N, C-alpha and C. Protein backbone atom coordinates (compact mmCIF):
# COMPACT_ATOMS: atom_id res chain seq x y z
N MET A 1 18.55 45.96 -13.16
CA MET A 1 18.38 44.41 -12.45
C MET A 1 17.38 43.45 -13.99
N ASN A 2 18.05 42.77 -14.54
CA ASN A 2 16.85 41.90 -15.35
C ASN A 2 16.12 40.57 -14.29
N ALA A 3 15.52 40.14 -15.17
CA ALA A 3 14.88 39.20 -14.26
C ALA A 3 15.48 37.98 -13.92
N TYR A 4 16.46 37.12 -14.45
CA TYR A 4 17.15 36.41 -13.78
C TYR A 4 17.99 36.74 -12.52
N GLU A 5 17.76 38.00 -12.51
CA GLU A 5 19.04 38.68 -11.19
C GLU A 5 18.30 38.47 -10.06
N ARG A 6 16.81 39.30 -10.51
CA ARG A 6 16.05 39.83 -8.93
C ARG A 6 15.38 38.06 -8.98
N ALA A 7 15.18 37.04 -10.17
CA ALA A 7 15.21 35.71 -9.75
C ALA A 7 16.49 35.20 -8.49
N VAL A 8 17.05 35.60 -8.84
CA VAL A 8 18.42 34.79 -8.05
C VAL A 8 18.37 35.83 -6.63
N GLN A 9 18.31 37.15 -6.30
CA GLN A 9 18.34 37.54 -5.43
C GLN A 9 16.76 37.13 -4.42
N ARG A 10 15.61 36.76 -5.18
CA ARG A 10 14.90 36.55 -3.75
C ARG A 10 15.14 34.88 -3.75
N ALA A 11 15.51 34.18 -4.46
CA ALA A 11 15.85 32.90 -4.15
C ALA A 11 16.94 32.77 -2.80
N LEU A 12 17.89 33.48 -3.04
CA LEU A 12 18.97 33.77 -1.96
C LEU A 12 18.10 34.35 -0.50
N ALA A 13 17.53 34.85 -0.48
CA ALA A 13 16.60 35.86 0.15
C ALA A 13 15.60 34.70 1.10
N THR A 14 14.92 34.14 0.37
CA THR A 14 14.09 32.70 0.57
C THR A 14 15.01 32.05 1.23
N THR A 15 16.25 31.44 1.06
CA THR A 15 17.34 30.12 1.41
C THR A 15 18.41 30.82 2.48
N GLY A 16 18.12 32.35 2.75
CA GLY A 16 19.18 32.57 3.64
C GLY A 16 20.88 32.67 3.05
N HIS A 17 20.97 32.68 1.95
CA HIS A 17 22.15 32.94 1.00
C HIS A 17 22.61 34.32 1.24
N THR A 18 22.21 35.49 1.73
CA THR A 18 22.57 36.90 1.32
C THR A 18 23.63 36.87 2.35
N HIS A 19 24.68 36.40 2.67
CA HIS A 19 25.76 36.70 3.33
C HIS A 19 26.89 36.10 1.89
N LEU A 20 26.50 35.36 0.58
CA LEU A 20 27.88 34.93 -0.07
C LEU A 20 28.67 36.24 -0.13
N THR A 21 30.09 35.85 -0.35
CA THR A 21 30.75 36.71 -1.32
C THR A 21 30.50 36.40 -2.62
N THR A 22 31.12 37.42 -4.00
CA THR A 22 30.51 37.20 -5.08
C THR A 22 31.05 36.01 -5.68
N ARG A 23 32.15 35.54 -5.18
CA ARG A 23 33.04 33.99 -5.63
C ARG A 23 32.21 33.01 -4.94
N GLN A 24 31.51 33.28 -4.05
CA GLN A 24 30.66 31.93 -3.43
C GLN A 24 29.31 32.19 -4.21
N LEU A 25 29.02 32.94 -4.44
CA LEU A 25 27.63 33.41 -5.31
C LEU A 25 27.84 32.66 -6.56
N ALA A 26 29.18 32.97 -7.32
CA ALA A 26 28.98 32.81 -8.62
C ALA A 26 29.46 31.13 -8.23
N ALA A 27 29.74 30.52 -7.49
CA ALA A 27 30.22 29.03 -7.27
C ALA A 27 28.69 28.29 -7.39
N LEU A 28 28.19 29.14 -6.53
CA LEU A 28 26.68 28.20 -6.10
C LEU A 28 25.78 28.42 -7.45
N LEU A 29 26.06 29.43 -8.27
CA LEU A 29 25.09 29.46 -9.42
C LEU A 29 25.76 28.63 -10.71
N ASP A 30 26.85 28.29 -10.53
CA ASP A 30 27.17 27.34 -11.25
C ASP A 30 26.86 25.85 -11.05
N ARG A 31 26.90 25.76 -9.82
CA ARG A 31 26.11 24.42 -9.12
C ARG A 31 24.78 24.27 -9.56
N ALA A 32 24.24 25.70 -9.41
CA ALA A 32 22.82 25.48 -9.52
C ALA A 32 22.32 24.89 -11.08
N GLU A 33 22.97 25.52 -11.74
CA GLU A 33 23.14 25.26 -13.07
C GLU A 33 23.43 24.23 -13.94
N GLU A 34 24.34 23.53 -13.42
CA GLU A 34 24.97 22.03 -13.80
C GLU A 34 23.96 21.05 -12.95
N ALA A 35 23.43 21.25 -12.08
CA ALA A 35 22.29 20.32 -11.16
C ALA A 35 20.68 20.52 -11.74
N THR A 36 20.77 21.28 -12.49
CA THR A 36 19.53 21.74 -12.92
C THR A 36 18.77 20.23 -13.68
N PRO A 37 20.05 20.16 -14.59
CA PRO A 37 18.88 19.29 -15.64
C PRO A 37 18.99 17.89 -14.93
N HIS A 38 19.42 17.55 -13.92
CA HIS A 38 19.97 16.52 -12.96
C HIS A 38 18.20 16.29 -11.87
N ALA A 39 18.01 17.74 -11.43
CA ALA A 39 17.42 18.18 -10.76
C ALA A 39 15.82 17.82 -11.54
N GLN A 40 15.68 18.21 -12.57
CA GLN A 40 14.48 18.39 -13.49
C GLN A 40 14.10 16.55 -14.19
N HIS A 41 15.12 15.68 -14.24
CA HIS A 41 14.94 14.40 -14.25
C HIS A 41 14.42 13.65 -12.98
N LEU A 42 14.89 14.23 -12.09
CA LEU A 42 14.51 13.60 -10.92
C LEU A 42 12.81 13.85 -10.59
N GLN A 43 12.72 15.04 -10.93
CA GLN A 43 11.48 15.32 -10.63
C GLN A 43 10.23 14.70 -11.45
N ARG A 44 11.27 14.30 -12.85
CA ARG A 44 9.81 13.18 -13.47
C ARG A 44 10.39 12.13 -12.96
N LEU A 45 11.10 11.66 -12.36
CA LEU A 45 10.94 10.15 -11.80
C LEU A 45 10.43 9.86 -10.73
N HIS A 46 10.36 11.14 -9.84
CA HIS A 46 10.05 11.21 -8.98
C HIS A 46 8.62 12.33 -8.82
N PRO A 47 7.96 12.49 -9.12
CA PRO A 47 6.68 13.65 -9.14
C PRO A 47 5.82 14.38 -7.34
N GLY A 48 5.78 12.70 -6.97
CA GLY A 48 4.76 12.93 -5.89
C GLY A 48 5.99 13.64 -4.56
N HIS A 49 7.14 13.32 -4.81
CA HIS A 49 8.13 14.62 -3.84
C HIS A 49 8.42 16.04 -4.22
N ALA A 50 8.08 16.89 -3.21
CA ALA A 50 7.94 18.32 -3.66
C ALA A 50 9.39 18.92 -3.61
N THR A 51 10.25 18.25 -3.06
CA THR A 51 11.27 19.27 -3.39
C THR A 51 12.91 18.32 -3.52
N THR A 52 13.62 18.94 -4.52
CA THR A 52 15.23 18.52 -4.94
C THR A 52 15.46 17.44 -4.20
N ARG A 53 15.87 17.76 -2.61
CA ARG A 53 16.40 16.72 -1.70
C ARG A 53 15.59 15.87 -1.67
N ASN A 54 14.00 15.81 -0.89
CA ASN A 54 13.37 14.34 -0.95
C ASN A 54 12.90 13.55 -2.19
N ARG A 55 13.71 14.19 -3.63
CA ARG A 55 13.63 13.08 -4.50
C ARG A 55 15.24 12.81 -4.76
N LEU A 56 16.00 13.10 -4.40
CA LEU A 56 17.38 13.01 -4.10
C LEU A 56 17.53 11.61 -3.13
N HIS A 57 16.43 11.97 -2.27
CA HIS A 57 16.66 10.94 -1.22
C HIS A 57 15.87 9.69 -1.63
N ALA A 58 14.46 9.65 -2.63
CA ALA A 58 13.71 8.97 -3.12
C ALA A 58 14.62 8.08 -3.45
N ALA A 59 15.54 8.55 -4.48
CA ALA A 59 16.25 8.01 -5.49
C ALA A 59 17.70 7.13 -4.90
N GLY A 60 17.65 6.84 -3.86
CA GLY A 60 18.60 6.79 -2.73
C GLY A 60 20.54 7.75 -3.51
N MET A 61 20.22 8.85 -3.81
CA MET A 61 20.80 9.73 -3.95
C MET A 61 21.21 10.65 -2.88
N THR A 62 22.73 11.44 -3.25
CA THR A 62 23.24 12.41 -2.19
C THR A 62 23.16 13.55 -3.05
N CYS A 63 23.28 14.93 -2.58
CA CYS A 63 23.25 15.91 -3.26
C CYS A 63 25.01 16.24 -3.93
N ALA A 64 25.76 15.85 -3.72
CA ALA A 64 27.03 15.56 -4.36
C ALA A 64 27.21 14.58 -5.35
N GLN A 65 26.19 13.68 -5.81
CA GLN A 65 26.18 12.84 -7.21
C GLN A 65 25.49 13.67 -8.03
N ILE A 66 25.29 14.78 -8.11
CA ILE A 66 24.45 15.61 -8.74
C ILE A 66 25.43 17.38 -9.04
N GLY A 67 26.36 17.00 -7.91
CA GLY A 67 27.33 18.43 -8.18
C GLY A 67 27.06 19.50 -7.13
N LEU A 68 25.95 19.06 -6.36
CA LEU A 68 25.39 20.48 -5.41
C LEU A 68 25.80 19.77 -3.91
N HIS A 69 26.30 21.32 -3.07
CA HIS A 69 26.61 20.92 -1.58
C HIS A 69 25.35 20.68 -0.86
N ASP A 70 25.73 21.07 0.62
CA ASP A 70 24.49 20.49 1.26
C ASP A 70 23.43 21.43 1.37
N GLY A 71 23.48 22.89 1.09
CA GLY A 71 22.64 23.83 1.11
C GLY A 71 21.50 23.89 0.24
N ASP A 72 22.41 23.61 -0.96
CA ASP A 72 22.01 24.11 -2.19
C ASP A 72 20.83 23.59 -2.77
N PRO A 73 20.04 22.11 -2.61
CA PRO A 73 18.80 21.96 -2.94
C PRO A 73 18.21 23.15 -3.02
N GLU A 74 18.35 23.23 -1.77
CA GLU A 74 16.93 24.18 -1.73
C GLU A 74 17.14 25.79 -2.48
N PHE A 75 18.12 25.97 -2.16
CA PHE A 75 18.42 27.24 -3.40
C PHE A 75 17.89 27.06 -4.69
N LEU A 76 18.36 26.00 -5.12
CA LEU A 76 17.39 25.44 -6.56
C LEU A 76 16.77 25.55 -6.70
N ASP A 77 15.52 24.59 -5.78
CA ASP A 77 14.06 24.82 -5.77
C ASP A 77 13.85 26.25 -5.63
N ALA A 78 14.02 27.19 -4.77
CA ALA A 78 13.98 28.51 -4.60
C ALA A 78 14.46 29.23 -6.07
N LEU A 79 15.24 29.23 -6.45
CA LEU A 79 15.59 29.76 -7.92
C LEU A 79 14.48 29.09 -9.13
N LEU A 80 14.63 28.14 -9.06
CA LEU A 80 13.44 27.48 -10.17
C LEU A 80 12.33 27.72 -10.10
N GLN A 81 11.43 28.05 -8.95
CA GLN A 81 10.13 28.65 -8.29
C GLN A 81 9.92 29.54 -8.84
N GLU A 82 11.49 30.82 -8.83
CA GLU A 82 11.05 32.45 -8.77
C GLU A 82 11.18 32.61 -10.21
N LEU A 83 12.24 31.68 -11.20
CA LEU A 83 12.33 31.50 -12.30
C LEU A 83 10.95 31.26 -13.64
N ALA A 84 10.72 30.38 -12.77
CA ALA A 84 8.91 29.70 -13.43
C ALA A 84 8.03 31.07 -12.70
N HIS A 85 8.26 31.89 -11.85
CA HIS A 85 7.50 33.09 -11.93
C HIS A 85 7.35 34.24 -12.69
N ALA A 86 8.69 34.42 -13.26
CA ALA A 86 9.34 35.73 -13.54
C ALA A 86 8.93 35.81 -14.90
């Protein structure tokens, strides 16, 4: 298992997404990958907010506007944090 796979597994465990099928996991990772630049842009615009969900709220946006489903922002935050420490 490489560092990315370990980071994904830790992020899944942190957010309680351990029950996903292979197809669901692939879709979640695709959404997270596509949303990452948007999340990083929101982080620059709203640095005082600690989470992607809070930044979205501060920007008056929804998860869907950056391609995420409702539970995805927490996974994205956990994954980016794990990758930063890898």
